[in-house]
Amino acid sequence: MNERLLGIYLRDHHAASAGGLALARRALGPYHPLAKQIARDRQALENVMRQLGAESSTMRVGIVLVAERVGRLKFNGRILKRSPLTRVVELETLIVGVRGKEALWTALRRAALSLRGIDLDALIESARAQGRELDELRLGAAARAFARFDRGAEAPINGDAMVSDPDPPVLEPSSRASGSSGRANYSRGWPG
């Protein structure tokens, strides 16, 4: 095992996970099931790092967190209030991060590392399920953001809920379960 390269790889993923967790808590809310899963996965990565003797890089984590905050300053068609496009872009960014996390777990599994208390297969499946849930949220946000409005009409032409709805629906699990875990899929009813 090349400990130096593995340490660099783990530190890079650890730093990226800091940004991903910050984004998930902001985009989904700190109590959303996906944000909680992303936090648990980051803890699993920290456990892997401890077992393999890879220390985290405060500098890398700090740079990623600054980049995540700077990323909030994107121009999405609105200046004074949050744009519906912001939600689409944030969810797409989270999907990329979750796919990177899945790649991490599959790489560690292929390297056949001996890790106590770490179920890489479960972490891989969890990342895949998270990706599916995020994609459902992304598609719903895109449908709302890109809905055509008839000038002067009270609702979009395609019948979707208005983006500027003052009373957005509350978080309710849909009737479909995501993956084999039995967790509820929160893709419907989540405010955009």
Foldseek 3Di string as FASTA:
>chain_A
DPLVVVLVVLQLLLLLLLLLLVLCCVLVNCPPPLSVVSVVLSVLSVLVCVVSVRDHDPVSNVVSNVVSVVVVPDDDPDDPDDALVVSLVSLVVSLVSLVVSLVVLVVCVVVVDDHPPDDSVVSNQVSVLSNVLSVLLNVLSCCQRPFACDVPDPQGPVPDHHLVPPDQFDFDFDPDAGDPPRHGRRSPRRRD
